[in-house]
Structure formats: structure tokens, C-alpha cells
PDB file of N, CA and C in Angstrom:
ATOM      1  N   MET A   1     119.517 169.510 171.732  1.00  0.00           N
ATOM      2  CA  MET A   1     119.193 170.747 171.809  1.00  0.00           C
ATOM      3  C   MET A   1     119.811 171.577 170.544  1.00  0.00           C
ATOM      4  N   TYR A   2     119.029 172.434 169.953  1.00  0.00           N
ATOM      5  CA  TYR A   2     119.499 173.306 168.907  1.00  0.00           C
ATOM      6  C   TYR A   2     119.502 174.792 169.105  1.00  0.00           C
ATOM      7  N   TRP A   3     120.493 175.400 169.127  1.00  0.00           N
ATOM      8  CA  TRP A   3     120.620 176.842 169.393  1.00  0.00           C
ATOM      9  C   TRP A   3     120.435 177.459 168.073  1.00  0.00           C
ATOM     10  N   ASP A   4     119.636 178.525 167.937  1.00  0.00           N
ATOM     11  CA  ASP A   4     119.551 179.130 166.709  1.00  0.00           C
ATOM     12  C   ASP A   4     120.190 180.622 166.664  1.00  0.00           C
ATOM     13  N   PHE A   5     121.490 180.655 166.431  1.00  0.00           N
ATOM     14  CA  PHE A   5     122.189 181.964 166.412  1.00  0.00           C
ATOM     15  C   PHE A   5     121.955 182.735 165.151  1.00  0.00           C
ATOM     16  N   SER A   6     121.657 183.896 165.254  1.00  0.00           N
ATOM     17  CA  SER A   6     121.561 184.884 164.166  1.00  0.00           C
ATOM     18  C   SER A   6     122.955 184.880 163.491  1.00  0.00           C
ATOM     19  N   SER A   7     122.748 185.247 162.150  1.00  0.00           N
ATOM     20  CA  SER A   7     123.839 185.624 161.430  1.00  0.00           C
ATOM     21  C   SER A   7     124.875 186.661 162.194  1.00  0.00           C
ATOM     22  N   GLU A   8     123.877 187.634 162.590  1.00  0.00           N
ATOM     23  CA  GLU A   8     124.826 188.803 163.362  1.00  0.00           C
ATOM     24  C   GLU A   8     125.394 188.290 164.431  1.00  0.00           C
ATOM     25  N   GLN A   9     125.025 187.427 165.262  1.00  0.00           N
ATOM     26  CA  GLN A   9     125.532 186.775 166.507  1.00  0.00           C
ATOM     27  C   GLN A   9     126.868 186.077 165.959  1.00  0.00           C
ATOM     28  N   LEU A  10     126.719 185.405 165.083  1.00  0.00           N
ATOM     29  CA  LEU A  10     128.014 184.494 164.684  1.00  0.00           C
ATOM     30  C   LEU A  10     129.039 185.279 164.138  1.00  0.00           C
ATOM     31  N   SER A  11     128.525 186.438 163.321  1.00  0.00           N
ATOM     32  CA  SER A  11     129.506 187.286 162.838  1.00  0.00           C
ATOM     33  C   SER A  11     130.338 188.164 163.961  1.00  0.00           C
ATOM     34  N   ARG A  12     129.643 188.412 165.008  1.00  0.00           N
ATOM     35  CA  ARG A  12     130.418 189.019 166.112  1.00  0.00           C
ATOM     36  C   ARG A  12     131.281 188.065 166.830  1.00  0.00           C
ATOM     37  N   LEU A  13     130.828 186.778 166.852  1.00  0.00           N
ATOM     38  CA  LEU A  13     131.871 185.777 167.358  1.00  0.00           C
ATOM     39  C   LEU A  13     133.066 185.638 166.598  1.00  0.00           C
ATOM     40  N   TRP A  14     133.008 185.656 165.238  1.00  0.00           N
ATOM     41  CA  TRP A  14     134.110 185.349 164.333  1.00  0.00           C
ATOM     42  C   TRP A  14     134.995 186.665 164.515  1.00  0.00           C
ATOM     43  N   SER A  15     134.551 187.704 164.593  1.00  0.00           N
ATOM     44  CA  SER A  15     135.164 189.089 165.135  1.00  0.00           C
ATOM     45  C   SER A  15     136.090 188.967 166.346  1.00  0.00           C
ATOM     46  N   ALA A  16     135.374 188.562 167.271  1.00  0.00           N
ATOM     47  CA  ALA A  16     135.929 188.438 168.512  1.00  0.00           C
ATOM     48  C   ALA A  16     137.221 187.198 168.551  1.00  0.00           C
ATOM     49  N   LEU A  17     136.932 186.116 167.563  1.00  0.00           N
ATOM     50  CA  LEU A  17     137.874 185.145 167.544  1.00  0.00           C
ATOM     51  C   LEU A  17     139.182 185.602 166.962  1.00  0.00           C
ATOM     52  N   GLU A  18     138.911 186.695 166.053  1.00  0.00           N
ATOM     53  CA  GLU A  18     140.014 187.349 165.343  1.00  0.00           C
ATOM     54  C   GLU A  18     141.181 188.014 166.379  1.00  0.00           C
ATOM     55  N   VAL A  19     140.690 188.419 167.397  1.00  0.00           N
ATOM     56  CA  VAL A  19     141.467 189.031 168.474  1.00  0.00           C
ATOM     57  C   VAL A  19     141.640 188.259 169.760  1.00  0.00           C
ATOM     58  N   ASN A  20     141.181 186.994 169.686  1.00  0.00           N
ATOM     59  CA  ASN A  20     141.052 186.180 170.772  1.00  0.00           C
ATOM     60  C   ASN A  20     142.523 185.690 171.258  1.00  0.00           C
ATOM     61  N   THR A  21     142.986 185.894 172.560  1.00  0.00           N
ATOM     62  CA  THR A  21     144.191 185.530 173.131  1.00  0.00           C
ATOM     63  C   THR A  21     144.126 184.677 174.045  1.00  0.00           C
ATOM     64  N   THR A  22     142.853 184.179 174.558  1.00  0.00           N
ATOM     65  CA  THR A  22     142.588 183.286 175.768  1.00  0.00           C
ATOM     66  C   THR A  22     141.795 182.032 175.501  1.00  0.00           C
ATOM     67  N   LEU A  23     140.797 182.194 174.702  1.00  0.00           N
ATOM     68  CA  LEU A  23     139.803 180.958 174.345  1.00  0.00           C
ATOM     69  C   LEU A  23     140.522 180.018 173.613  1.00  0.00           C
ATOM     70  N   THR A  24     140.484 178.673 174.125  1.00  0.00           N
ATOM     71  CA  THR A  24     141.134 177.616 173.668  1.00  0.00           C
ATOM     72  C   THR A  24     140.130 176.298 173.104  1.00  0.00           C
ATOM     73  N   ARG A  25     138.939 176.530 173.694  1.00  0.00           N
ATOM     74  CA  ARG A  25     137.877 175.489 173.334  1.00  0.00           C
ATOM     75  C   ARG A  25     136.566 176.147 172.837  1.00  0.00           C
ATOM     76  N   LEU A  26     136.005 175.840 171.973  1.00  0.00           N
ATOM     77  CA  LEU A  26     134.715 176.335 171.286  1.00  0.00           C
ATOM     78  C   LEU A  26     133.834 175.241 170.986  1.00  0.00           C
ATOM     79  N   ARG A  27     132.632 174.942 171.455  1.00  0.00           N
ATOM     80  CA  ARG A  27     131.668 174.172 170.855  1.00  0.00           C
ATOM     81  C   ARG A  27     130.361 174.917 170.353  1.00  0.00           C
ATOM     82  N   LEU A  28     130.184 174.732 169.051  1.00  0.00           N
ATOM     83  CA  LEU A  28     129.110 175.329 168.401  1.00  0.00           C
ATOM     84  C   LEU A  28     128.117 174.235 167.671  1.00  0.00           C
ATOM     85  N   SER A  29     128.086 172.991 168.073  1.00  0.00           N
ATOM     86  CA  SER A  29     127.305 172.096 167.540  1.00  0.00           C
ATOM     87  C   SER A  29     125.802 172.344 167.397  1.00  0.00           C
ATOM     88  N   SER A  30     125.162 172.226 166.592  1.00  0.00           N
ATOM     89  CA  SER A  30     123.874 172.575 166.396  1.00  0.00           C
ATOM     90  C   SER A  30     123.425 173.951 166.855  1.00  0.00           C
ATOM     91  N   CYS A  31     124.177 174.969 166.008  1.00  0.00           N
ATOM     92  CA  CYS A  31     124.035 176.281 166.482  1.00  0.00           C
ATOM     93  C   CYS A  31     123.842 177.134 165.089  1.00  0.00           C
ATOM     94  N   CYS A  32     123.397 176.397 164.027  1.00  0.00           N
ATOM     95  CA  CYS A  32     122.978 177.286 162.822  1.00  0.00           C
ATOM     96  C   CYS A  32     124.152 177.732 162.037  1.00  0.00           C
ATOM     97  N   VAL A  33     125.194 177.230 162.211  1.00  0.00           N
ATOM     98  CA  VAL A  33     126.568 177.757 161.468  1.00  0.00           C
ATOM     99  C   VAL A  33     126.200 177.179 160.011  1.00  0.00           C
ATOM    100  N   ASP A  34     125.885 178.039 159.050  1.00  0.00           N
ATOM    101  CA  ASP A  34     125.514 177.796 157.721  1.00  0.00           C
ATOM    102  C   ASP A  34     126.704 177.924 156.974  1.00  0.00           C
ATOM    103  N   GLU A  35     126.558 177.580 155.546  1.00  0.00           N
ATOM    104  CA  GLU A  35     127.492 177.804 154.563  1.00  0.00           C
ATOM    105  C   GLU A  35     128.350 179.107 154.498  1.00  0.00           C
ATOM    106  N   ASN A  36     127.662 180.000 154.597  1.00  0.00           N
ATOM    107  CA  ASN A  36     128.459 181.514 154.608  1.00  0.00           C
ATOM    108  C   ASN A  36     129.265 181.555 155.868  1.00  0.00           C
ATOM    109  N   GLN A  37     128.621 181.202 156.982  1.00  0.00           N
ATOM    110  CA  GLN A  37     129.359 181.438 158.299  1.00  0.00           C
ATOM    111  C   GLN A  37     130.486 180.369 158.362  1.00  0.00           C
ATOM    112  N   ALA A  38     130.267 179.262 157.849  1.00  0.00           N
ATOM    113  CA  ALA A  38     131.563 178.220 157.626  1.00  0.00           C
ATOM    114  C   ALA A  38     132.725 178.997 156.779  1.00  0.00           C
ATOM    115  N   GLY A  39     132.470 179.793 155.807  1.00  0.00           N
ATOM    116  CA  GLY A  39     133.421 180.457 155.138  1.00  0.00           C
ATOM    117  C   GLY A  39     134.219 181.468 155.930  1.00  0.00           C
ATOM    118  N   ARG A  40     133.340 182.302 156.673  1.00  0.00           N
ATOM    119  CA  ARG A  40     133.874 183.341 157.441  1.00  0.00           C
ATOM    120  C   ARG A  40     134.747 182.857 158.710  1.00  0.00           C
ATOM    121  N   LEU A  41     134.319 181.504 159.095  1.00  0.00           N
ATOM    122  CA  LEU A  41     135.054 180.938 160.198  1.00  0.00           C
ATOM    123  C   LEU A  41     136.347 180.452 159.531  1.00  0.00           C
ATOM    124  N   ALA A  42     136.456 179.872 158.377  1.00  0.00           N
ATOM    125  CA  ALA A  42     137.620 179.475 157.624  1.00  0.00           C
ATOM    126  C   ALA A  42     138.498 180.402 157.682  1.00  0.00           C
ATOM    127  N   GLU A  43     138.179 181.790 157.119  1.00  0.00           N
ATOM    128  CA  GLU A  43     139.000 182.934 157.123  1.00  0.00           C
ATOM    129  C   GLU A  43     139.650 183.270 158.434  1.00  0.00           C
ATOM    130  N   VAL A  44     138.787 183.203 159.441  1.00  0.00           N
ATOM    131  CA  VAL A  44     139.451 183.344 160.781  1.00  0.00           C
ATOM    132  C   VAL A  44     140.465 182.363 161.220  1.00  0.00           C
ATOM    133  N   LEU A  45     140.171 181.128 161.044  1.00  0.00           N
ATOM    134  CA  LEU A  45     141.044 179.996 161.314  1.00  0.00           C
ATOM    135  C   LEU A  45     142.484 180.222 160.607  1.00  0.00           C
ATOM    136  N   GLU A  46     142.115 180.459 159.212  1.00  0.00           N
ATOM    137  CA  GLU A  46     143.250 180.626 158.294  1.00  0.00           C
ATOM    138  C   GLU A  46     144.233 181.767 158.707  1.00  0.00           C
ATOM    139  N   ALA A  47     143.836 182.852 159.021  1.00  0.00           N
ATOM    140  CA  ALA A  47     144.734 184.048 159.234  1.00  0.00           C
ATOM    141  C   ALA A  47     144.732 184.845 160.545  1.00  0.00           C
ATOM    142  N   LYS A  48     143.496 184.585 161.343  1.00  0.00           N
ATOM    143  CA  LYS A  48     143.618 185.327 162.483  1.00  0.00           C
ATOM    144  C   LYS A  48     143.852 184.893 163.850  1.00  0.00           C
ATOM    145  N   ASN A  49     143.446 183.522 164.066  1.00  0.00           N
ATOM    146  CA  ASN A  49     143.150 183.011 165.330  1.00  0.00           C
ATOM    147  C   ASN A  49     144.465 182.021 165.667  1.00  0.00           C
ATOM    148  N   SER A  50     145.158 182.218 166.792  1.00  0.00           N
ATOM    149  CA  SER A  50     146.252 181.266 166.973  1.00  0.00           C
ATOM    150  C   SER A  50     146.134 180.639 168.298  1.00  0.00           C
ATOM    151  N   THR A  51     144.866 180.801 169.202  1.00  0.00           N
ATOM    152  CA  THR A  51     144.875 180.075 170.404  1.00  0.00           C
ATOM    153  C   THR A  51     143.767 178.989 170.488  1.00  0.00           C
ATOM    154  N   LEU A  52     142.907 179.065 169.433  1.00  0.00           N
ATOM    155  CA  LEU A  52     141.790 177.916 169.628  1.00  0.00           C
ATOM    156  C   LEU A  52     142.333 176.650 169.230  1.00  0.00           C
ATOM    157  N   ALA A  53     142.117 175.600 170.145  1.00  0.00           N
ATOM    158  CA  ALA A  53     142.841 174.325 170.028  1.00  0.00           C
ATOM    159  C   ALA A  53     141.764 173.377 169.845  1.00  0.00           C
ATOM    160  N   TYR A  54     140.619 173.419 170.181  1.00  0.00           N
ATOM    161  CA  TYR A  54     139.481 172.583 170.075  1.00  0.00           C
ATOM    162  C   TYR A  54     138.166 173.274 169.393  1.00  0.00           C
ATOM    163  N   LEU A  55     137.682 172.731 168.296  1.00  0.00           N
ATOM    164  CA  LEU A  55     136.410 173.304 167.623  1.00  0.00           C
ATOM    165  C   LEU A  55     135.517 172.287 167.338  1.00  0.00           C
ATOM    166  N   ASP A  56     134.158 172.409 167.878  1.00  0.00           N
ATOM    167  CA  ASP A  56     133.090 171.611 167.461  1.00  0.00           C
ATOM    168  C   ASP A  56     132.044 172.258 166.893  1.00  0.00           C
ATOM    169  N   ILE A  57     131.868 171.792 165.512  1.00  0.00           N
ATOM    170  CA  ILE A  57     130.752 172.616 164.884  1.00  0.00           C
ATOM    171  C   ILE A  57     129.903 171.483 164.074  1.00  0.00           C
ATOM    172  N   HIS A  58     129.901 170.151 164.596  1.00  0.00           N
ATOM    173  CA  HIS A  58     129.132 169.256 163.950  1.00  0.00           C
ATOM    174  C   HIS A  58     127.629 169.368 164.064  1.00  0.00           C
ATOM    175  N   ASN A  59     126.985 168.786 163.400  1.00  0.00           N
ATOM    176  CA  ASN A  59     125.502 169.122 163.323  1.00  0.00           C
ATOM    177  C   ASN A  59     124.821 170.390 162.798  1.00  0.00           C
ATOM    178  N   ASN A  60     125.560 171.077 161.804  1.00  0.00           N
ATOM    179  CA  ASN A  60     125.301 172.437 161.521  1.00  0.00           C
ATOM    180  C   ASN A  60     125.012 172.012 159.820  1.00  0.00           C
ATOM    181  N   PRO A  61     124.302 172.950 159.249  1.00  0.00           N
ATOM    182  CA  PRO A  61     124.038 172.829 157.758  1.00  0.00           C
ATOM    183  C   PRO A  61     125.044 173.374 157.103  1.00  0.00           C
ATOM    184  N   ILE A  62     126.331 172.681 157.129  1.00  0.00           N
ATOM    185  CA  ILE A  62     127.384 173.052 156.293  1.00  0.00           C
ATOM    186  C   ILE A  62     127.650 172.024 155.265  1.00  0.00           C
ATOM    187  N   SER A  63     127.848 172.327 154.065  1.00  0.00           N
ATOM    188  CA  SER A  63     128.121 171.577 152.890  1.00  0.00           C
ATOM    189  C   SER A  63     129.408 170.932 152.799  1.00  0.00           C
ATOM    190  N   SER A  64     129.733 170.060 151.879  1.00  0.00           N
ATOM    191  CA  SER A  64     130.931 169.270 151.834  1.00  0.00           C
ATOM    192  C   SER A  64     131.989 170.352 151.399  1.00  0.00           C
ATOM    193  N   GLU A  65     131.518 171.446 150.460  1.00  0.00           N
ATOM    194  CA  GLU A  65     132.474 172.480 150.181  1.00  0.00           C
ATOM    195  C   GLU A  65     132.817 173.337 151.325  1.00  0.00           C
ATOM    196  N   GLY A  66     131.736 173.898 152.236  1.00  0.00           N
ATOM    197  CA  GLY A  66     131.979 174.391 153.591  1.00  0.00           C
ATOM    198  C   GLY A  66     133.169 173.872 154.267  1.00  0.00           C
ATOM    199  N   CYS A  67     132.886 172.468 154.443  1.00  0.00           N
ATOM    200  CA  CYS A  67     133.838 171.591 155.334  1.00  0.00           C
ATOM    201  C   CYS A  67     135.180 171.619 154.597  1.00  0.00           C
ATOM    202  N   ARG A  68     135.332 171.679 153.156  1.00  0.00           N
ATOM    203  CA  ARG A  68     136.542 171.620 152.547  1.00  0.00           C
ATOM    204  C   ARG A  68     137.247 173.042 153.013  1.00  0.00           C
ATOM    205  N   ARG A  69     136.478 174.086 152.850  1.00  0.00           N
ATOM    206  CA  ARG A  69     137.045 175.453 153.196  1.00  0.00           C
ATOM    207  C   ARG A  69     137.779 175.396 154.630  1.00  0.00           C
ATOM    208  N   ILE A  70     137.059 174.803 155.489  1.00  0.00           N
ATOM    209  CA  ILE A  70     137.600 174.872 156.845  1.00  0.00           C
ATOM    210  C   ILE A  70     138.889 174.063 156.955  1.00  0.00           C
ATOM    211  N   LEU A  71     138.776 172.782 156.251  1.00  0.00           N
ATOM    212  CA  LEU A  71     139.742 171.945 156.277  1.00  0.00           C
ATOM    213  C   LEU A  71     141.200 172.630 155.603  1.00  0.00           C
ATOM    214  N   ARG A  72     140.815 173.252 154.421  1.00  0.00           N
ATOM    215  CA  ARG A  72     142.140 173.831 153.745  1.00  0.00           C
ATOM    216  C   ARG A  72     142.569 175.202 154.577  1.00  0.00           C
ATOM    217  N   SER A  73     141.681 175.782 155.524  1.00  0.00           N
ATOM    218  CA  SER A  73     142.231 176.901 156.362  1.00  0.00           C
ATOM    219  C   SER A  73     143.154 176.167 157.328  1.00  0.00           C
ATOM    220  N   LEU A  74     143.117 175.116 157.741  1.00  0.00           N
ATOM    221  CA  LEU A  74     144.141 174.369 158.750  1.00  0.00           C
ATOM    222  C   LEU A  74     145.222 174.202 158.417  1.00  0.00           C
ATOM    223  N   GLN A  75     145.638 174.512 156.975  1.00  0.00           N
ATOM    224  CA  GLN A  75     147.031 174.294 156.595  1.00  0.00           C
ATOM    225  C   GLN A  75     147.854 175.510 156.972  1.00  0.00           C
ATOM    226  N   PHE A  76     147.114 176.688 157.518  1.00  0.00           N
ATOM    227  CA  PHE A  76     147.870 177.753 157.956  1.00  0.00           C
ATOM    228  C   PHE A  76     147.513 177.784 159.460  1.00  0.00           C
ATOM    229  N   ASN A  77     146.848 177.166 160.108  1.00  0.00           N
ATOM    230  CA  ASN A  77     146.507 177.225 161.445  1.00  0.00           C
ATOM    231  C   ASN A  77     147.253 176.334 162.233  1.00  0.00           C
ATOM    232  N   ARG A  78     148.035 176.743 163.255  1.00  0.00           N
ATOM    233  CA  ARG A  78     149.067 175.783 163.896  1.00  0.00           C
ATOM    234  C   ARG A  78     148.449 175.458 165.236  1.00  0.00           C
ATOM    235  N   SER A  79     147.425 176.114 165.687  1.00  0.00           N
ATOM    236  CA  SER A  79     146.908 175.915 167.063  1.00  0.00           C
ATOM    237  C   SER A  79     145.628 174.815 167.172  1.00  0.00           C
ATOM    238  N   LEU A  80     144.869 174.703 166.111  1.00  0.00           N
ATOM    239  CA  LEU A  80     143.858 173.939 166.233  1.00  0.00           C
ATOM    240  C   LEU A  80     144.229 172.339 166.162  1.00  0.00           C
ATOM    241  N   THR A  81     143.955 171.530 167.070  1.00  0.00           N
ATOM    242  CA  THR A  81     144.386 170.276 167.262  1.00  0.00           C
ATOM    243  C   THR A  81     143.222 169.237 167.212  1.00  0.00           C
ATOM    244  N   SER A  82     141.873 169.713 167.486  1.00  0.00           N
ATOM    245  CA  SER A  82     140.606 168.915 167.504  1.00  0.00           C
ATOM    246  C   SER A  82     139.650 169.607 166.861  1.00  0.00           C
ATOM    247  N   LEU A  83     139.170 168.887 165.602  1.00  0.00           N
ATOM    248  CA  LEU A  83     138.101 169.540 165.063  1.00  0.00           C
ATOM    249  C   LEU A  83     136.960 168.539 164.616  1.00  0.00           C
ATOM    250  N   HIS A  84     135.714 168.931 165.223  1.00  0.00           N
ATOM    251  CA  HIS A  84     134.637 167.913 164.998  1.00  0.00           C
ATOM    252  C   HIS A  84     133.713 168.569 163.935  1.00  0.00           C
ATOM    253  N   LEU A  85     133.520 167.921 162.917  1.00  0.00           N
ATOM    254  CA  LEU A  85     132.429 168.451 161.700  1.00  0.00           C
ATOM    255  C   LEU A  85     131.361 167.471 161.839  1.00  0.00           C
TER     256      LEU A  85
END
């Protein structure tokens, strides 16, 4: 199944993750997380979110560079222990 989230919906989700204090698992596989959204997610993971432990974003149109941005953000994120690209 493929969920077609709009850019606006994903932007709202990233904003919510910035202030998240309870969500520990998030599955967004096949949800239209594109290159730009991957960059925004990397920013959130790097500086804002400290509770998310599991993130699944496989089967999305994210390039190698987008994946690298997300992986680099994990240098600063101490809560994420499981990532599915």
C-alpha cells in the first residue's frame, strides 16, 4: 500500500516531531517522503527530536544524497536506535 502524503502534511509532521516528547516509533514507508522532505527530516533528527527511537522510511523516493543527510544527522541524535531506509 502506498500513502500519498502531501508536502504540507509531512511538513506538519516534522514540526510536530520538533516538540515531540512521547512518540518513540514512526513508520512512514511508502508515504511519498521525497528528497526535500528527507532534508527537513534530517534537520529535525539532528537538532530537535530526542525521543524517537525507531524510524521506518523505506520505499520512498529518497536519493543517496538524501539518505546521507539523514545518516549524518544521526551523529547528533542519541535517541534513534533503529532506522529503516
